[in-house]
Amino acid sequence: MIDSQQIIEGDEECRMHHEKWSETALRDYQGKKSDIDSLIGSVNALNNLFDTGALSPQFGTGSPEGVVSANFSLKYIDTSVPTEYYNQTLGSITGWVAL
């Protein structure tokens, strides 16, 4: 999780602290702030996926068809046979194919 103590000034703060900056410089700075905020959000979301196990194969006994919803790994392993299944559609409970 990214939890930086660094602060990128908002629009009003930036205008107040950098009075001599041109409008172009201010817009560019705010664009960079937006890009950094977006990147931090994406990294934190990806980190949450790892924490929840959503990127790991799922395990169980028996076929996943009609029962198991495909997570981000799109894989299921039947431990009783053993057989690995793949589903190309995230969130779908149908369409599992034995590999």
PDB file of N, CA and C in Angstrom:
ATOM      1  N   MET A   1       0.846  -1.180   0.000  1.00  0.00           N
ATOM      2  CA  MET A   1       0.000   0.000   0.000  1.00  0.00           C
ATOM      3  C   MET A   1       0.884   1.233   0.000  1.00  0.00           C
ATOM      4  N   ILE A   2       0.577   2.143  -0.883  1.00  0.00           N
ATOM      5  CA  ILE A   2       1.320   3.401  -0.912  1.00  0.00           C
ATOM      6  C   ILE A   2       0.606   4.380   0.016  1.00  0.00           C
ATOM      7  N   ASP A   3       1.319   4.850   0.993  1.00  0.00           N
ATOM      8  CA  ASP A   3       0.773   5.797   1.958  1.00  0.00           C
ATOM      9  C   ASP A   3       1.836   6.861   2.193  1.00  0.00           C
ATOM     10  N   SER A   4       2.107   7.635   1.162  1.00  0.00           N
ATOM     11  CA  SER A   4       3.180   8.619   1.205  1.00  0.00           C
ATOM     12  C   SER A   4       2.813   9.821   2.078  1.00  0.00           C
ATOM     13  N   GLN A   5       3.793  10.374   2.724  1.00  0.00           N
ATOM     14  CA  GLN A   5       3.607  11.594   3.502  1.00  0.00           C
ATOM     15  C   GLN A   5       3.884  12.835   2.648  1.00  0.00           C
ATOM     16  N   GLN A   6       4.300  12.612   1.412  1.00  0.00           N
ATOM     17  CA  GLN A   6       4.547  13.722   0.506  1.00  0.00           C
ATOM     18  C   GLN A   6       3.210  14.337   0.100  1.00  0.00           C
ATOM     19  N   ILE A   7       3.182  15.631  -0.052  1.00  0.00           N
ATOM     20  CA  ILE A   7       1.944  16.319  -0.420  1.00  0.00           C
ATOM     21  C   ILE A   7       2.163  17.067  -1.720  1.00  0.00           C
ATOM     22  N   ILE A   8       1.270  16.837  -2.649  1.00  0.00           N
ATOM     23  CA  ILE A   8       1.272  17.612  -3.890  1.00  0.00           C
ATOM     24  C   ILE A   8       0.149  18.624  -3.732  1.00  0.00           C
ATOM     25  N   GLU A   9       0.500  19.878  -3.783  1.00  0.00           N
ATOM     26  CA  GLU A   9      -0.463  20.944  -3.512  1.00  0.00           C
ATOM     27  C   GLU A   9      -1.651  20.898  -4.454  1.00  0.00           C
ATOM     28  N   GLY A  10      -2.808  21.234  -3.902  1.00  0.00           N
ATOM     29  CA  GLY A  10      -4.006  21.395  -4.713  1.00  0.00           C
ATOM     30  C   GLY A  10      -3.931  22.698  -5.496  1.00  0.00           C
ATOM     31  N   ASP A  11      -4.928  22.945  -6.320  1.00  0.00           N
ATOM     32  CA  ASP A  11      -4.928  24.099  -7.213  1.00  0.00           C
ATOM     33  C   ASP A  11      -4.788  25.423  -6.464  1.00  0.00           C
ATOM     34  N   GLU A  12      -5.603  25.645  -5.439  1.00  0.00           N
ATOM     35  CA  GLU A  12      -5.555  26.917  -4.700  1.00  0.00           C
ATOM     36  C   GLU A  12      -4.232  27.102  -3.967  1.00  0.00           C
ATOM     37  N   GLU A  13      -3.756  26.034  -3.313  1.00  0.00           N
ATOM     38  CA  GLU A  13      -2.470  26.113  -2.598  1.00  0.00           C
ATOM     39  C   GLU A  13      -1.338  26.410  -3.567  1.00  0.00           C
ATOM     40  N   CYS A  14      -1.381  25.758  -4.703  1.00  0.00           N
ATOM     41  CA  CYS A  14      -0.340  25.940  -5.705  1.00  0.00           C
ATOM     42  C   CYS A  14      -0.318  27.395  -6.203  1.00  0.00           C
ATOM     43  N   ARG A  15      -1.485  27.946  -6.472  1.00  0.00           N
ATOM     44  CA  ARG A  15      -1.569  29.341  -6.940  1.00  0.00           C
ATOM     45  C   ARG A  15      -1.056  30.303  -5.866  1.00  0.00           C
ATOM     46  N   MET A  16      -1.335  29.988  -4.608  1.00  0.00           N
ATOM     47  CA  MET A  16      -0.926  30.858  -3.511  1.00  0.00           C
ATOM     48  C   MET A  16       0.594  30.807  -3.299  1.00  0.00           C
ATOM     49  N   HIS A  17       1.184  29.617  -3.369  1.00  0.00           N
ATOM     50  CA  HIS A  17       2.613  29.466  -3.102  1.00  0.00           C
ATOM     51  C   HIS A  17       3.507  29.738  -4.310  1.00  0.00           C
ATOM     52  N   HIS A  18       2.929  29.723  -5.472  1.00  0.00           N
ATOM     53  CA  HIS A  18       3.721  29.900  -6.693  1.00  0.00           C
ATOM     54  C   HIS A  18       3.082  30.966  -7.576  1.00  0.00           C
ATOM     55  N   GLU A  19       2.973  32.163  -7.023  1.00  0.00           N
ATOM     56  CA  GLU A  19       2.291  33.270  -7.689  1.00  0.00           C
ATOM     57  C   GLU A  19       2.878  33.605  -9.054  1.00  0.00           C
ATOM     58  N   LYS A  20       4.160  33.380  -9.234  1.00  0.00           N
ATOM     59  CA  LYS A  20       4.824  33.776 -10.477  1.00  0.00           C
ATOM     60  C   LYS A  20       4.727  32.725 -11.581  1.00  0.00           C
ATOM     61  N   TRP A  21       4.144  31.567 -11.270  1.00  0.00           N
ATOM     62  CA  TRP A  21       4.018  30.530 -12.293  1.00  0.00           C
ATOM     63  C   TRP A  21       2.969  30.942 -13.323  1.00  0.00           C
ATOM     64  N   SER A  22       3.208  30.603 -14.542  1.00  0.00           N
ATOM     65  CA  SER A  22       2.235  30.889 -15.596  1.00  0.00           C
ATOM     66  C   SER A  22       1.063  29.910 -15.476  1.00  0.00           C
ATOM     67  N   GLU A  23      -0.033  30.230 -16.170  1.00  0.00           N
ATOM     68  CA  GLU A  23      -1.188  29.328 -16.172  1.00  0.00           C
ATOM     69  C   GLU A  23      -0.812  27.965 -16.746  1.00  0.00           C
ATOM     70  N   THR A  24       0.034  27.970 -17.750  1.00  0.00           N
ATOM     71  CA  THR A  24       0.477  26.711 -18.366  1.00  0.00           C
ATOM     72  C   THR A  24       1.241  25.862 -17.358  1.00  0.00           C
ATOM     73  N   ALA A  25       2.128  26.493 -16.584  1.00  0.00           N
ATOM     74  CA  ALA A  25       2.903  25.770 -15.580  1.00  0.00           C
ATOM     75  C   ALA A  25       1.985  25.211 -14.495  1.00  0.00           C
ATOM     76  N   LEU A  26       0.998  26.010 -14.072  1.00  0.00           N
ATOM     77  CA  LEU A  26       0.057  25.558 -13.051  1.00  0.00           C
ATOM     78  C   LEU A  26      -0.766  24.371 -13.547  1.00  0.00           C
ATOM     79  N   ARG A  27      -1.264  24.439 -14.789  1.00  0.00           N
ATOM     80  CA  ARG A  27      -2.043  23.335 -15.362  1.00  0.00           C
ATOM     81  C   ARG A  27      -1.183  22.075 -15.496  1.00  0.00           C
ATOM     82  N   ASP A  28       0.070  22.251 -15.908  1.00  0.00           N
ATOM     83  CA  ASP A  28       0.977  21.114 -16.048  1.00  0.00           C
ATOM     84  C   ASP A  28       1.211  20.454 -14.692  1.00  0.00           C
ATOM     85  N   TYR A  29       1.440  21.275 -13.677  1.00  0.00           N
ATOM     86  CA  TYR A  29       1.659  20.764 -12.318  1.00  0.00           C
ATOM     87  C   TYR A  29       0.435  19.976 -11.841  1.00  0.00           C
ATOM     88  N   GLN A  30      -0.753  20.529 -12.047  1.00  0.00           N
ATOM     89  CA  GLN A  30      -1.971  19.852 -11.622  1.00  0.00           C
ATOM     90  C   GLN A  30      -2.210  18.576 -12.428  1.00  0.00           C
ATOM     91  N   GLY A  31      -1.809  18.568 -13.694  1.00  0.00           N
ATOM     92  CA  GLY A  31      -1.897  17.352 -14.503  1.00  0.00           C
ATOM     93  C   GLY A  31      -1.004  16.262 -13.948  1.00  0.00           C
ATOM     94  N   LYS A  32       0.198  16.638 -13.541  1.00  0.00           N
ATOM     95  CA  LYS A  32       1.118  15.670 -12.920  1.00  0.00           C
ATOM     96  C   LYS A  32       0.534  15.148 -11.618  1.00  0.00           C
ATOM     97  N   LYS A  33      -0.083  16.031 -10.827  1.00  0.00           N
ATOM     98  CA  LYS A  33      -0.722  15.614  -9.574  1.00  0.00           C
ATOM     99  C   LYS A  33      -1.801  14.577  -9.865  1.00  0.00           C
ATOM    100  N   SER A  34      -2.607  14.822 -10.872  1.00  0.00           N
ATOM    101  CA  SER A  34      -3.660  13.890 -11.239  1.00  0.00           C
ATOM    102  C   SER A  34      -3.085  12.540 -11.670  1.00  0.00           C
ATOM    103  N   ASP A  35      -2.012  12.565 -12.465  1.00  0.00           N
ATOM    104  CA  ASP A  35      -1.360  11.328 -12.903  1.00  0.00           C
ATOM    105  C   ASP A  35      -0.815  10.533 -11.719  1.00  0.00           C
ATOM    106  N   ILE A  36      -0.188  11.222 -10.782  1.00  0.00           N
ATOM    107  CA  ILE A  36       0.382  10.552  -9.607  1.00  0.00           C
ATOM    108  C   ILE A  36      -0.724   9.970  -8.736  1.00  0.00           C
ATOM    109  N   ASP A  37      -1.807  10.726  -8.526  1.00  0.00           N
ATOM    110  CA  ASP A  37      -2.934  10.223  -7.731  1.00  0.00           C
ATOM    111  C   ASP A  37      -3.528   8.971  -8.383  1.00  0.00           C
ATOM    112  N   SER A  38      -3.648   8.975  -9.702  1.00  0.00           N
ATOM    113  CA  SER A  38      -4.182   7.829 -10.434  1.00  0.00           C
ATOM    114  C   SER A  38      -3.267   6.620 -10.299  1.00  0.00           C
ATOM    115  N   LEU A  39      -1.961   6.848 -10.417  1.00  0.00           N
ATOM    116  CA  LEU A  39      -0.991   5.760 -10.285  1.00  0.00           C
ATOM    117  C   LEU A  39      -1.039   5.153  -8.881  1.00  0.00           C
ATOM    118  N   ILE A  40      -1.099   5.993  -7.869  1.00  0.00           N
ATOM    119  CA  ILE A  40      -1.180   5.499  -6.489  1.00  0.00           C
ATOM    120  C   ILE A  40      -2.444   4.664  -6.303  1.00  0.00           C
ATOM    121  N   GLY A  41      -3.562   5.130  -6.850  1.00  0.00           N
ATOM    122  CA  GLY A  41      -4.809   4.369  -6.756  1.00  0.00           C
ATOM    123  C   GLY A  41      -4.705   3.013  -7.437  1.00  0.00           C
ATOM    124  N   SER A  42      -4.066   2.974  -8.600  1.00  0.00           N
ATOM    125  CA  SER A  42      -3.900   1.712  -9.330  1.00  0.00           C
ATOM    126  C   SER A  42      -2.999   0.743  -8.580  1.00  0.00           C
ATOM    127  N   VAL A  43      -1.895   1.237  -8.047  1.00  0.00           N
ATOM    128  CA  VAL A  43      -0.972   0.377  -7.290  1.00  0.00           C
ATOM    129  C   VAL A  43      -1.659  -0.166  -6.046  1.00  0.00           C
ATOM    130  N   ASN A  44      -2.400   0.667  -5.350  1.00  0.00           N
ATOM    131  CA  ASN A  44      -3.102   0.214  -4.150  1.00  0.00           C
ATOM    132  C   ASN A  44      -4.181  -0.816  -4.493  1.00  0.00           C
ATOM    133  N   ALA A  45      -4.890  -0.619  -5.622  1.00  0.00           N
ATOM    134  CA  ALA A  45      -5.907  -1.589  -6.039  1.00  0.00           C
ATOM    135  C   ALA A  45      -5.265  -2.925  -6.373  1.00  0.00           C
ATOM    136  N   LEU A  46      -4.130  -2.902  -7.061  1.00  0.00           N
ATOM    137  CA  LEU A  46      -3.424  -4.139  -7.391  1.00  0.00           C
ATOM    138  C   LEU A  46      -2.937  -4.825  -6.124  1.00  0.00           C
ATOM    139  N   ASN A  47      -2.435  -4.042  -5.186  1.00  0.00           N
ATOM    140  CA  ASN A  47      -1.991  -4.589  -3.904  1.00  0.00           C
ATOM    141  C   ASN A  47      -3.152  -5.281  -3.186  1.00  0.00           C
ATOM    142  N   ASN A  48      -4.347  -4.691  -3.248  1.00  0.00           N
ATOM    143  CA  ASN A  48      -5.521  -5.298  -2.614  1.00  0.00           C
ATOM    144  C   ASN A  48      -5.870  -6.633  -3.264  1.00  0.00           C
ATOM    145  N   LEU A  49      -5.679  -6.743  -4.587  1.00  0.00           N
ATOM    146  CA  LEU A  49      -5.942  -8.014  -5.263  1.00  0.00           C
ATOM    147  C   LEU A  49      -5.025  -9.108  -4.744  1.00  0.00           C
ATOM    148  N   PHE A  50      -3.757  -8.776  -4.547  1.00  0.00           N
ATOM    149  CA  PHE A  50      -2.819  -9.761  -4.005  1.00  0.00           C
ATOM    150  C   PHE A  50      -3.215 -10.150  -2.583  1.00  0.00           C
ATOM    151  N   ASP A  51      -3.615  -9.182  -1.784  1.00  0.00           N
ATOM    152  CA  ASP A  51      -3.986  -9.446  -0.392  1.00  0.00           C
ATOM    153  C   ASP A  51      -5.212 -10.349  -0.278  1.00  0.00           C
ATOM    154  N   THR A  52      -6.158 -10.237  -1.227  1.00  0.00           N
ATOM    155  CA  THR A  52      -7.387 -11.033  -1.159  1.00  0.00           C
ATOM    156  C   THR A  52      -7.232 -12.400  -1.801  1.00  0.00           C
ATOM    157  N   GLY A  53      -6.106 -12.636  -2.477  1.00  0.00           N
ATOM    158  CA  GLY A  53      -5.905 -13.903  -3.160  1.00  0.00           C
ATOM    159  C   GLY A  53      -6.599 -13.977  -4.502  1.00  0.00           C
ATOM    160  N   ALA A  54      -7.117 -12.854  -4.985  1.00  0.00           N
ATOM    161  CA  ALA A  54      -7.866 -12.836  -6.237  1.00  0.00           C
ATOM    162  C   ALA A  54      -7.010 -13.180  -7.449  1.00  0.00           C
ATOM    163  N   LEU A  55      -5.690 -13.141  -7.306  1.00  0.00           N
ATOM    164  CA  LEU A  55      -4.806 -13.467  -8.423  1.00  0.00           C
ATOM    165  C   LEU A  55      -4.288 -14.905  -8.335  1.00  0.00           C
ATOM    166  N   SER A  56      -4.650 -15.611  -7.281  1.00  0.00           N
ATOM    167  CA  SER A  56      -4.200 -16.987  -7.090  1.00  0.00           C
ATOM    168  C   SER A  56      -5.233 -17.953  -7.657  1.00  0.00           C
ATOM    169  N   PRO A  57      -4.785 -19.109  -8.149  1.00  0.00           N
ATOM    170  CA  PRO A  57      -5.759 -20.112  -8.602  1.00  0.00           C
ATOM    171  C   PRO A  57      -6.680 -20.512  -7.453  1.00  0.00           C
ATOM    172  N   GLN A  58      -7.878 -20.907  -7.796  1.00  0.00           N
ATOM    173  CA  GLN A  58      -8.822 -21.404  -6.792  1.00  0.00           C
ATOM    174  C   GLN A  58      -8.706 -22.926  -6.737  1.00  0.00           C
ATOM    175  N   PHE A  59      -9.012 -23.496  -5.592  1.00  0.00           N
ATOM    176  CA  PHE A  59      -8.913 -24.941  -5.400  1.00  0.00           C
ATOM    177  C   PHE A  59     -10.238 -25.482  -4.888  1.00  0.00           C
ATOM    178  N   GLY A  60     -10.512 -26.723  -5.234  1.00  0.00           N
ATOM    179  CA  GLY A  60     -11.707 -27.381  -4.739  1.00  0.00           C
ATOM    180  C   GLY A  60     -11.738 -28.807  -5.242  1.00  0.00           C
ATOM    181  N   THR A  61     -12.828 -29.499  -4.926  1.00  0.00           N
ATOM    182  CA  THR A  61     -12.994 -30.863  -5.413  1.00  0.00           C
ATOM    183  C   THR A  61     -14.192 -30.895  -6.350  1.00  0.00           C
ATOM    184  N   GLY A  62     -13.999 -31.510  -7.492  1.00  0.00           N
ATOM    185  CA  GLY A  62     -15.049 -31.564  -8.494  1.00  0.00           C
ATOM    186  C   GLY A  62     -14.919 -30.436  -9.494  1.00  0.00           C
ATOM    187  N   SER A  63     -15.731 -30.534 -10.521  1.00  0.00           N
ATOM    188  CA  SER A  63     -15.706 -29.540 -11.592  1.00  0.00           C
ATOM    189  C   SER A  63     -16.218 -28.182 -11.092  1.00  0.00           C
ATOM    190  N   PRO A  64     -15.607 -27.091 -11.561  1.00  0.00           N
ATOM    191  CA  PRO A  64     -16.077 -25.767 -11.163  1.00  0.00           C
ATOM    192  C   PRO A  64     -17.288 -25.294 -11.985  1.00  0.00           C
ATOM    193  N   GLU A  65     -17.609 -26.007 -13.070  1.00  0.00           N
ATOM    194  CA  GLU A  65     -18.657 -25.583 -14.002  1.00  0.00           C
ATOM    195  C   GLU A  65     -19.991 -25.360 -13.286  1.00  0.00           C
ATOM    196  N   GLY A  66     -20.505 -24.140 -13.422  1.00  0.00           N
ATOM    197  CA  GLY A  66     -21.787 -23.773 -12.833  1.00  0.00           C
ATOM    198  C   GLY A  66     -21.747 -23.527 -11.339  1.00  0.00           C
ATOM    199  N   VAL A  67     -20.552 -23.621 -10.744  1.00  0.00           N
ATOM    200  CA  VAL A  67     -20.445 -23.500  -9.287  1.00  0.00           C
ATOM    201  C   VAL A  67     -19.478 -22.391  -8.861  1.00  0.00           C
ATOM    202  N   VAL A  68     -18.313 -22.348  -9.497  1.00  0.00           N
ATOM    203  CA  VAL A  68     -17.247 -21.438  -9.076  1.00  0.00           C
ATOM    204  C   VAL A  68     -17.173 -20.248 -10.030  1.00  0.00           C
ATOM    205  N   SER A  69     -17.144 -19.059  -9.462  1.00  0.00           N
ATOM    206  CA  SER A  69     -16.998 -17.829 -10.237  1.00  0.00           C
ATOM    207  C   SER A  69     -15.515 -17.579 -10.504  1.00  0.00           C
ATOM    208  N   ALA A  70     -15.163 -17.347 -11.760  1.00  0.00           N
ATOM    209  CA  ALA A  70     -13.759 -17.141 -12.131  1.00  0.00           C
ATOM    210  C   ALA A  70     -13.222 -15.852 -11.510  1.00  0.00           C
ATOM    211  N   ASN A  71     -12.112 -15.979 -10.763  1.00  0.00           N
ATOM    212  CA  ASN A  71     -11.465 -14.785 -10.216  1.00  0.00           C
ATOM    213  C   ASN A  71     -10.434 -14.273 -11.228  1.00  0.00           C
ATOM    214  N   PHE A  72      -9.595 -13.346 -10.825  1.00  0.00           N
ATOM    215  CA  PHE A  72      -8.639 -12.733 -11.748  1.00  0.00           C
ATOM    216  C   PHE A  72      -7.604 -13.717 -12.289  1.00  0.00           C
ATOM    217  N   SER A  73      -7.367 -14.826 -11.584  1.00  0.00           N
ATOM    218  CA  SER A  73      -6.400 -15.797 -12.085  1.00  0.00           C
ATOM    219  C   SER A  73      -6.981 -16.601 -13.238  1.00  0.00           C
ATOM    220  N   LEU A  74      -8.320 -16.680 -13.290  1.00  0.00           N
ATOM    221  CA  LEU A  74      -9.052 -17.435 -14.305  1.00  0.00           C
ATOM    222  C   LEU A  74      -8.736 -18.923 -14.258  1.00  0.00           C
ATOM    223  N   LYS A  75      -8.191 -19.405 -13.127  1.00  0.00           N
ATOM    224  CA  LYS A  75      -7.817 -20.812 -12.999  1.00  0.00           C
ATOM    225  C   LYS A  75      -8.470 -21.440 -11.769  1.00  0.00           C
ATOM    226  N   TYR A  76      -8.750 -22.726 -11.914  1.00  0.00           N
ATOM    227  CA  TYR A  76      -9.303 -23.533 -10.823  1.00  0.00           C
ATOM    228  C   TYR A  76      -8.615 -24.889 -10.892  1.00  0.00           C
ATOM    229  N   ILE A  77      -8.266 -25.429  -9.746  1.00  0.00           N
ATOM    230  CA  ILE A  77      -7.621 -26.743  -9.700  1.00  0.00           C
ATOM    231  C   ILE A  77      -8.491 -27.681  -8.875  1.00  0.00           C
ATOM    232  N   ASP A  78      -8.942 -28.765  -9.551  1.00  0.00           N
ATOM    233  CA  ASP A  78      -9.706 -29.809  -8.888  1.00  0.00           C
ATOM    234  C   ASP A  78      -8.695 -30.730  -8.210  1.00  0.00           C
ATOM    235  N   THR A  79      -8.661 -30.701  -6.899  1.00  0.00           N
ATOM    236  CA  THR A  79      -7.644 -31.458  -6.157  1.00  0.00           C
ATOM    237  C   THR A  79      -7.962 -32.947  -6.051  1.00  0.00           C
ATOM    238  N   SER A  80      -9.190 -33.348  -6.389  1.00  0.00           N
ATOM    239  CA  SER A  80      -9.539 -34.766  -6.284  1.00  0.00           C
ATOM    240  C   SER A  80      -9.059 -35.573  -7.484  1.00  0.00           C
ATOM    241  N   VAL A  81      -8.836 -34.943  -8.631  1.00  0.00           N
ATOM    242  CA  VAL A  81      -8.477 -35.689  -9.834  1.00  0.00           C
ATOM    243  C   VAL A  81      -6.977 -35.787 -10.056  1.00  0.00           C
ATOM    244  N   PRO A  82      -6.098 -34.905  -9.992  1.00  0.00           N
ATOM    245  CA  PRO A  82      -6.190 -33.442 -10.106  1.00  0.00           C
ATOM    246  C   PRO A  82      -6.281 -32.979 -11.573  1.00  0.00           C
ATOM    247  N   THR A  83      -7.055 -31.932 -11.777  1.00  0.00           N
ATOM    248  CA  THR A  83      -7.231 -31.342 -13.097  1.00  0.00           C
ATOM    249  C   THR A  83      -7.242 -29.831 -12.953  1.00  0.00           C
ATOM    250  N   GLU A  84      -6.598 -29.174 -13.900  1.00  0.00           N
ATOM    251  CA  GLU A  84      -6.600 -27.714 -13.914  1.00  0.00           C
ATOM    252  C   GLU A  84      -7.628 -27.241 -14.936  1.00  0.00           C
ATOM    253  N   TYR A  85      -8.414 -26.234 -14.548  1.00  0.00           N
ATOM    254  CA  TYR A  85      -9.426 -25.650 -15.429  1.00  0.00           C
ATOM    255  C   TYR A  85      -9.088 -24.188 -15.690  1.00  0.00           C
ATOM    256  N   TYR A  86      -9.557 -23.706 -16.836  1.00  0.00           N
ATOM    257  CA  TYR A  86      -9.357 -22.309 -17.213  1.00  0.00           C
ATOM    258  C   TYR A  86     -10.695 -21.744 -17.663  1.00  0.00           C
ATOM    259  N   ASN A  87     -10.958 -20.494 -17.276  1.00  0.00           N
ATOM    260  CA  ASN A  87     -12.161 -19.800 -17.721  1.00  0.00           C
ATOM    261  C   ASN A  87     -11.741 -18.436 -18.238  1.00  0.00           C
ATOM    262  N   GLN A  88     -12.054 -18.134 -19.485  1.00  0.00           N
ATOM    263  CA  GLN A  88     -11.593 -16.883 -20.085  1.00  0.00           C
ATOM    264  C   GLN A  88     -12.418 -15.665 -19.685  1.00  0.00           C
ATOM    265  N   THR A  89     -13.528 -15.876 -18.948  1.00  0.00           N
ATOM    266  CA  THR A  89     -14.403 -14.763 -18.604  1.00  0.00           C
ATOM    267  C   THR A  89     -14.414 -14.517 -17.102  1.00  0.00           C
ATOM    268  N   LEU A  90     -13.835 -13.411 -16.683  1.00  0.00           N
ATOM    269  CA  LEU A  90     -13.802 -13.030 -15.270  1.00  0.00           C
ATOM    270  C   LEU A  90     -15.216 -12.959 -14.713  1.00  0.00           C
ATOM    271  N   GLY A  91     -15.441 -13.602 -13.577  1.00  0.00           N
ATOM    272  CA  GLY A  91     -16.727 -13.553 -12.900  1.00  0.00           C
ATOM    273  C   GLY A  91     -17.733 -14.588 -13.368  1.00  0.00           C
ATOM    274  N   SER A  92     -17.434 -15.315 -14.431  1.00  0.00           N
ATOM    275  CA  SER A  92     -18.373 -16.289 -14.978  1.00  0.00           C
ATOM    276  C   SER A  92     -18.300 -17.610 -14.224  1.00  0.00           C
ATOM    277  N   ILE A  93     -19.464 -18.255 -14.053  1.00  0.00           N
ATOM    278  CA  ILE A  93     -19.485 -19.580 -13.431  1.00  0.00           C
ATOM    279  C   ILE A  93     -19.576 -20.677 -14.499  1.00  0.00           C
ATOM    280  N   THR A  94     -19.754 -20.284 -15.744  1.00  0.00           N
ATOM    281  CA  THR A  94     -19.784 -21.263 -16.838  1.00  0.00           C
ATOM    282  C   THR A  94     -18.643 -20.981 -17.794  1.00  0.00           C
ATOM    283  N   GLY A  95     -18.315 -21.987 -18.589  1.00  0.00           N
ATOM    284  CA  GLY A  95     -17.256 -21.833 -19.574  1.00  0.00           C
ATOM    285  C   GLY A  95     -15.907 -22.360 -19.114  1.00  0.00           C
ATOM    286  N   TRP A  96     -15.884 -23.096 -18.013  1.00  0.00           N
ATOM    287  CA  TRP A  96     -14.634 -23.695 -17.529  1.00  0.00           C
ATOM    288  C   TRP A  96     -14.187 -24.791 -18.486  1.00  0.00           C
ATOM    289  N   VAL A  97     -12.924 -24.793 -18.849  1.00  0.00           N
ATOM    290  CA  VAL A  97     -12.356 -25.784 -19.763  1.00  0.00           C
ATOM    291  C   VAL A  97     -11.209 -26.500 -19.049  1.00  0.00           C
ATOM    292  N   ALA A  98     -11.269 -27.843 -19.056  1.00  0.00           N
ATOM    293  CA  ALA A  98     -10.180 -28.627 -18.464  1.00  0.00           C
ATOM    294  C   ALA A  98      -8.958 -28.521 -19.361  1.00  0.00           C
ATOM    295  N   LEU A  99      -7.796 -28.318 -18.753  1.00  0.00           N
ATOM    296  CA  LEU A  99      -6.554 -28.221 -19.527  1.00  0.00           C
ATOM    297  C   LEU A  99      -5.824 -29.539 -19.555  1.00  0.00           C
TER     298      LEU A  99
END
